[in-house]
Protein backbone atom coordinates (compact mmCIF):
# COMPACT_ATOMS: atom_id res chain seq x y z
CA UNK A 1 -45.41 -66.20 40.36
CA UNK A 2 -42.15 -64.25 40.43
CA UNK A 3 -41.18 -65.78 37.10
CA UNK A 4 -44.49 -64.71 35.60
CA UNK A 5 -44.09 -61.14 36.85
CA UNK A 6 -40.57 -60.95 35.45
CA UNK A 7 -41.77 -62.22 32.10
CA UNK A 8 -44.60 -59.69 32.02
CA UNK A 9 -42.26 -56.83 32.86
CA UNK A 10 -39.87 -57.81 30.11
CA UNK A 11 -42.70 -58.18 27.65
CA UNK A 12 -44.14 -54.80 28.57
CA UNK A 13 -40.76 -53.18 28.22
CA UNK A 14 -40.22 -54.78 24.80
CA UNK A 15 -43.70 -53.64 23.73
CA UNK A 16 -42.94 -50.07 24.73
CA UNK A 17 -39.65 -50.13 22.82
CA UNK A 18 -41.32 -51.59 19.75
CA UNK A 19 -44.05 -48.98 19.92
CA UNK A 20 -41.44 -46.20 20.12
CA UNK A 21 -39.51 -47.62 17.18
CA UNK A 22 -42.71 -47.93 15.17
CA UNK A 23 -43.52 -44.29 15.79
CA UNK A 24 -40.08 -43.28 14.54
CA UNK A 25 -40.02 -45.52 11.48
CA UNK A 26 -43.64 -45.66 10.44
CA UNK A 27 -44.73 -42.14 11.32
CA UNK A 28 -45.29 -39.44 8.74
CA UNK A 29 -42.17 -37.55 7.75
CA UNK A 30 -43.77 -34.18 8.30
CA UNK A 31 -45.18 -35.01 11.74
CA UNK A 32 -43.53 -33.61 14.86
CA UNK A 33 -42.17 -36.27 17.18
CA UNK A 34 -42.09 -35.60 20.90
CA UNK A 35 -39.71 -37.93 22.69
CA UNK A 36 -40.57 -38.30 26.39
CA UNK A 37 -37.18 -39.82 27.21
CA UNK A 38 -33.79 -40.24 25.55
CA UNK A 39 -31.71 -43.38 25.44
CA UNK A 40 -34.19 -45.97 24.16
CA UNK A 41 -32.53 -46.11 20.70
CA UNK A 42 -29.02 -44.71 21.27
CA UNK A 43 -26.45 -44.10 18.57
CA UNK A 44 -23.35 -43.80 20.79
CA UNK A 45 -24.96 -44.59 24.13
CA UNK A 46 -24.89 -42.73 27.42
CA UNK A 47 -21.64 -40.83 28.13
CA UNK A 48 -20.28 -38.94 31.13
CA UNK A 49 -17.26 -37.03 29.74
CA UNK A 50 -15.61 -35.77 26.61
CA UNK A 51 -13.18 -38.67 26.83
CA UNK A 52 -16.16 -41.06 26.69
CA UNK A 53 -17.42 -39.19 23.62
CA UNK A 54 -14.07 -39.52 21.88
CA UNK A 55 -13.86 -43.23 22.69
CA UNK A 56 -17.40 -43.95 21.46
CA UNK A 57 -16.81 -42.06 18.20
CA UNK A 58 -13.73 -44.19 17.52
CA UNK A 59 -15.51 -47.43 18.46
CA UNK A 60 -18.58 -46.67 16.35
CA UNK A 61 -17.02 -44.51 13.70
CA UNK A 62 -18.78 -46.22 10.79
CA UNK A 63 -22.20 -45.67 12.37
CA UNK A 64 -21.24 -42.10 13.32
CA UNK A 65 -20.20 -41.28 9.72
CA UNK A 66 -23.45 -42.83 8.43
CA UNK A 67 -25.46 -40.66 10.80
CA UNK A 68 -23.58 -37.55 9.63
CA UNK A 69 -24.30 -38.44 6.00
CA UNK A 70 -28.00 -38.89 6.81
CA UNK A 71 -28.03 -35.38 8.25
CA UNK A 72 -26.63 -34.07 4.94
CA UNK A 73 -23.00 -33.52 5.91
CA UNK A 74 -20.35 -33.95 3.24
CA UNK A 75 -17.29 -36.14 3.74
CA UNK A 76 -15.17 -33.04 4.38
CA UNK A 77 -17.65 -31.74 6.97
CA UNK A 78 -17.79 -35.14 8.65
CA UNK A 79 -13.99 -35.28 8.84
CA UNK A 80 -13.98 -31.76 10.30
CA UNK A 81 -16.58 -32.77 12.89
CA UNK A 82 -14.60 -35.82 14.00
CA UNK A 83 -11.38 -33.78 14.10
CA UNK A 84 -12.99 -31.20 16.36
CA UNK A 85 -14.30 -33.89 18.69
CA UNK A 86 -10.93 -35.62 18.96
CA UNK A 87 -9.10 -32.30 19.60
CA UNK A 88 -11.55 -31.19 22.35
CA UNK A 89 -12.91 -28.35 20.22
CA UNK A 90 -16.45 -28.94 21.48
CA UNK A 91 -18.72 -27.05 23.88
CA UNK A 92 -20.78 -28.43 26.74
CA UNK A 93 -24.23 -26.88 26.33
CA UNK A 94 -27.88 -27.35 27.06
CA UNK A 95 -29.34 -29.07 24.03
CA UNK A 96 -32.27 -27.14 22.50
CA UNK A 97 -35.61 -28.93 22.80
CA UNK A 98 -36.52 -28.56 19.14
CA UNK A 99 -34.17 -30.27 16.72
CA UNK A 100 -34.42 -30.10 12.95
CA UNK A 101 -33.16 -33.68 12.69
CA UNK A 102 -31.99 -36.46 15.02
CA UNK A 103 -30.31 -39.77 14.21
CA UNK A 104 -30.70 -42.94 16.22
CA UNK A 105 -29.73 -46.59 15.92
CA UNK A 106 -31.52 -49.88 16.22
CA UNK A 107 -30.11 -53.34 15.74
CA UNK A 108 -26.90 -52.00 14.17
CA UNK A 109 -28.67 -49.74 11.66
CA UNK A 110 -28.83 -45.95 11.64
CA UNK A 111 -32.07 -44.01 11.20
CA UNK A 112 -32.97 -40.37 11.06
CA UNK A 113 -36.09 -38.45 11.82
CA UNK A 114 -36.89 -34.74 11.34
CA UNK A 115 -38.73 -32.21 13.50
CA UNK A 116 -38.08 -33.75 16.88
CA UNK A 117 -38.83 -32.39 20.37
CA UNK A 118 -36.79 -33.79 23.24
CA UNK A 119 -37.21 -33.40 27.00
CA UNK A 120 -36.13 -30.19 28.66
CA UNK A 121 -32.79 -29.72 30.40
CA UNK A 122 -30.86 -32.24 28.35
CA UNK A 123 -27.14 -31.52 28.14
CA UNK A 124 -24.55 -32.55 25.62
CA UNK A 125 -21.83 -31.33 23.23
CA UNK A 126 -22.12 -28.82 20.41
CA UNK A 127 -19.98 -28.30 17.30
CA UNK A 128 -20.78 -25.55 14.79
CA UNK A 129 -19.78 -25.95 11.15
CA UNK A 130 -20.00 -22.95 8.84
CA UNK A 131 -21.62 -23.85 5.51
CA UNK A 132 -22.05 -20.87 3.22
CA UNK A 133 -24.48 -18.45 4.79
CA UNK A 134 -25.70 -21.09 7.27
CA UNK A 135 -24.34 -22.85 10.32
CA UNK A 136 -24.75 -26.56 10.96
CA UNK A 137 -25.18 -26.65 14.75
CA UNK A 138 -24.50 -30.29 15.62
CA UNK A 139 -25.56 -31.60 19.04
CA UNK A 140 -24.72 -34.91 20.74
CA UNK A 141 -26.90 -35.42 23.86
CA UNK A 142 -24.99 -37.16 26.64
CA UNK A 143 -28.02 -39.36 27.46
CA UNK A 144 -28.04 -41.15 24.10
CA UNK A 145 -25.28 -39.89 21.80
CA UNK A 146 -27.75 -39.35 18.96
CA UNK A 147 -26.12 -36.94 16.49
CA UNK A 148 -28.63 -34.14 15.90
CA UNK A 149 -28.81 -31.05 13.70
CA UNK A 150 -30.16 -27.52 14.00
CA UNK A 151 -29.86 -25.23 10.99
CA UNK A 152 -29.02 -21.64 11.85
CA UNK A 153 -28.37 -18.55 9.83
CA UNK A 154 -25.07 -16.78 10.24
CA UNK A 155 -25.54 -13.87 12.57
CA UNK A 156 -24.21 -10.83 10.79
CA UNK A 157 -23.45 -8.02 13.17
CA UNK A 158 -24.77 -4.68 12.10
CA UNK A 159 -22.05 -2.31 11.03
CA UNK A 160 -23.28 1.24 10.67
CA UNK A 161 -22.25 2.88 7.43
CA UNK A 162 -19.49 5.42 7.68
CA UNK A 163 -20.60 9.03 7.92
CA UNK A 164 -21.17 10.67 4.63
CA UNK A 165 -18.29 12.87 3.69
CA UNK A 166 -18.99 15.99 1.67
CA UNK A 167 -17.98 15.53 -1.93
CA UNK A 168 -14.55 16.80 -2.74
CA UNK A 169 -14.56 20.04 -4.72
CA UNK A 170 -13.67 19.61 -8.37
CA UNK A 171 -10.07 20.19 -9.23
CA UNK A 172 -8.22 21.02 -12.39
CA UNK A 173 -6.44 18.21 -14.26
CA UNK A 174 -2.87 17.42 -13.39
CA UNK A 175 -0.46 20.04 -14.66
CA UNK A 176 -3.04 22.83 -14.66
CA UNK A 177 -3.86 25.52 -12.12
CA UNK A 178 -6.93 27.44 -11.06
CA UNK A 179 -10.39 26.14 -10.19
CA UNK A 180 -12.82 24.57 -12.66
CA UNK A 181 -14.02 25.77 -15.02
CA UNK A 182 -11.25 28.38 -14.98
CA UNK A 183 -8.31 26.06 -15.46
CA UNK A 184 -5.14 27.21 -17.17
CA UNK A 185 -1.68 25.93 -17.90
CA UNK A 186 0.97 27.86 -15.93
CA UNK A 187 3.62 29.62 -17.98
CA UNK A 188 6.92 31.13 -16.96
CA UNK A 189 7.24 34.94 -17.27
CA UNK A 190 8.48 36.39 -20.51
CA UNK A 191 12.22 35.98 -20.97
CA UNK A 192 12.42 32.95 -18.68
CA UNK A 193 12.52 29.25 -19.41
CA UNK A 194 11.31 26.05 -17.72
CA UNK A 195 7.96 25.16 -16.21
CA UNK A 196 6.47 26.77 -13.09
CA UNK A 197 7.52 26.71 -10.36
CA UNK A 198 10.94 25.85 -11.80
CA UNK A 199 11.45 28.96 -13.90
CA UNK A 200 14.92 30.25 -14.66
CA UNK A 201 16.53 32.95 -16.77
CA UNK A 202 18.61 31.70 -19.68
CA UNK A 203 22.31 32.66 -19.42
CA UNK A 204 23.73 34.50 -22.45
CA UNK A 205 27.34 35.51 -23.14
CA UNK A 206 28.16 39.25 -23.41
CA UNK A 207 28.76 40.30 -27.01
CA UNK A 208 30.77 43.23 -28.34
CA UNK A 209 29.35 45.32 -31.15
CA UNK A 210 31.47 43.29 -33.56
CA UNK A 211 29.90 40.07 -32.21
CA UNK A 212 33.04 38.81 -30.48
CA UNK A 213 32.68 37.53 -26.94
CA UNK A 214 34.77 39.24 -24.29
CA UNK A 215 35.17 38.42 -20.62
CA UNK A 216 33.13 40.64 -18.30
CA UNK A 217 35.12 43.50 -16.90
CA UNK A 218 34.57 46.90 -15.29
CA UNK A 219 33.10 48.31 -18.48
CA UNK A 220 31.09 45.20 -19.50
CA UNK A 221 27.28 45.19 -19.17
CA UNK A 222 25.88 43.30 -16.12
CA UNK A 223 25.00 39.63 -16.41
CA UNK A 224 21.29 38.76 -16.66
CA UNK A 225 19.53 38.05 -13.35
CA UNK A 226 19.66 34.41 -12.32
CA UNK A 227 22.91 33.68 -14.12
CA UNK A 228 26.08 32.91 -12.26
CA UNK A 229 28.99 35.18 -13.05
CA UNK A 230 31.39 33.16 -15.21
CA UNK A 231 35.05 33.09 -14.12
CA UNK A 232 37.31 35.60 -15.89
CA UNK A 233 39.12 34.26 -18.90
CA UNK A 234 42.70 35.50 -19.30
CA UNK A 235 43.92 36.01 -22.84
CA UNK A 236 47.25 37.17 -24.24
CA UNK A 237 47.01 40.30 -26.38
CA UNK A 238 49.81 40.67 -28.89
CA UNK A 239 50.36 44.27 -30.14
CA UNK A 240 52.25 44.57 -33.40
CA UNK A 241 54.48 47.66 -33.67
CA UNK A 242 55.73 48.77 -37.08
CA UNK A 243 58.97 50.84 -37.10
CA UNK A 244 59.60 52.89 -40.25
CA UNK A 245 63.36 53.02 -41.05
CA UNK A 246 63.23 54.87 -44.35
CA UNK A 247 65.40 58.06 -44.23
CA UNK A 248 65.80 60.52 -47.13
CA UNK A 249 69.20 59.71 -48.77
CA UNK A 250 69.98 63.23 -49.77
CA UNK A 251 70.29 64.38 -46.10
CA UNK A 252 73.55 62.45 -45.56
CA UNK A 253 75.78 64.43 -48.02
CA UNK A 254 74.53 67.74 -46.66
CA UNK A 255 75.32 66.72 -43.11
CA UNK A 256 78.84 65.69 -44.12
CA UNK A 257 79.56 68.98 -45.96
CA UNK A 258 78.19 71.04 -43.06
CA UNK A 259 80.40 69.22 -40.60
CA UNK A 260 83.55 69.68 -42.72
CA UNK A 261 83.03 73.36 -43.50
CA UNK A 262 82.03 74.35 -40.02
CA UNK A 263 85.00 72.58 -38.48
CA UNK A 264 87.88 73.87 -40.78
CA UNK A 265 86.98 77.34 -42.17
CA UNK A 266 85.46 78.96 -39.11
CA UNK A 267 88.16 78.23 -36.57
CA UNK A 268 89.72 81.86 -36.45
CA UNK A 269 89.44 83.80 -33.18
CA UNK A 270 86.58 86.18 -32.79
CA UNK A 271 87.12 89.88 -33.70
CA UNK A 272 88.06 92.36 -30.90
CA UNK A 273 85.40 94.42 -29.32
CA UNK A 274 84.85 97.99 -30.57
CA UNK A 275 86.74 100.91 -28.76
CA UNK A 276 84.95 102.75 -26.01
CA UNK A 277 83.04 105.87 -26.92
CA UNK A 278 84.77 109.10 -25.90
CA UNK A 279 82.77 112.00 -24.48
CA UNK A 280 83.17 115.41 -26.23
CA UNK A 281 85.20 118.16 -24.40
CA UNK A 282 83.20 120.62 -22.40
CA UNK A 283 82.71 124.05 -23.98
CA UNK A 284 84.78 127.08 -22.95
């Protein structure tokens, strides 16, 4: 009797498993599958820690990579997923009840079914892979290890546009002054050179009426404004003096004759003075 009961229990259990597998394999692809319990067709099996997850992925790596390919992951994404698992870059989360796709294994083969609903309050690991404008949210329930997928859109945080700045007033082109449309090219005042604001007065040398330059002195005109006074230039002035030595030749004989005559013929003593004047005798 005990043997019969044990046989019936095993048969009933096998029938339930076969019925569950039939619903997964033979059901319509677009039908929603509600799984009352997890673990009847596990991919990695039940796990209790991240270390168990890492060990199961290494032991069943071929099946795990096949399951990732069935979910649509590329080889690069699968390698990234395994790398994150082995480096503890996973999160312990509550697995959402509705899954876009779930893989499972039976008799060494990997299968995949879409639009699956699992029991509430199932926990496992999550790894998010960014793919373009979407996120592949990959879940591994701890009760079965069935790699599952939920497609999500990238959440773009709203960034308010910067406040509108008033348009800048129009300005004149470079090198011009004023305000449009009254733009003009700046010019230095008359008699000055350069470009504003670097205007300067040209320095000119002082000229004499004959056009010969002379150093500025007390009587020279002032230097133009803006010019530095040049240092005085010393020059040697040579004055030529002409001495006329021509003497009339006829003056020499006359001087000689006058000297001879005056010295020899007029050497007599002077004449005596005249006698005194006598008064007349008084009258009788």
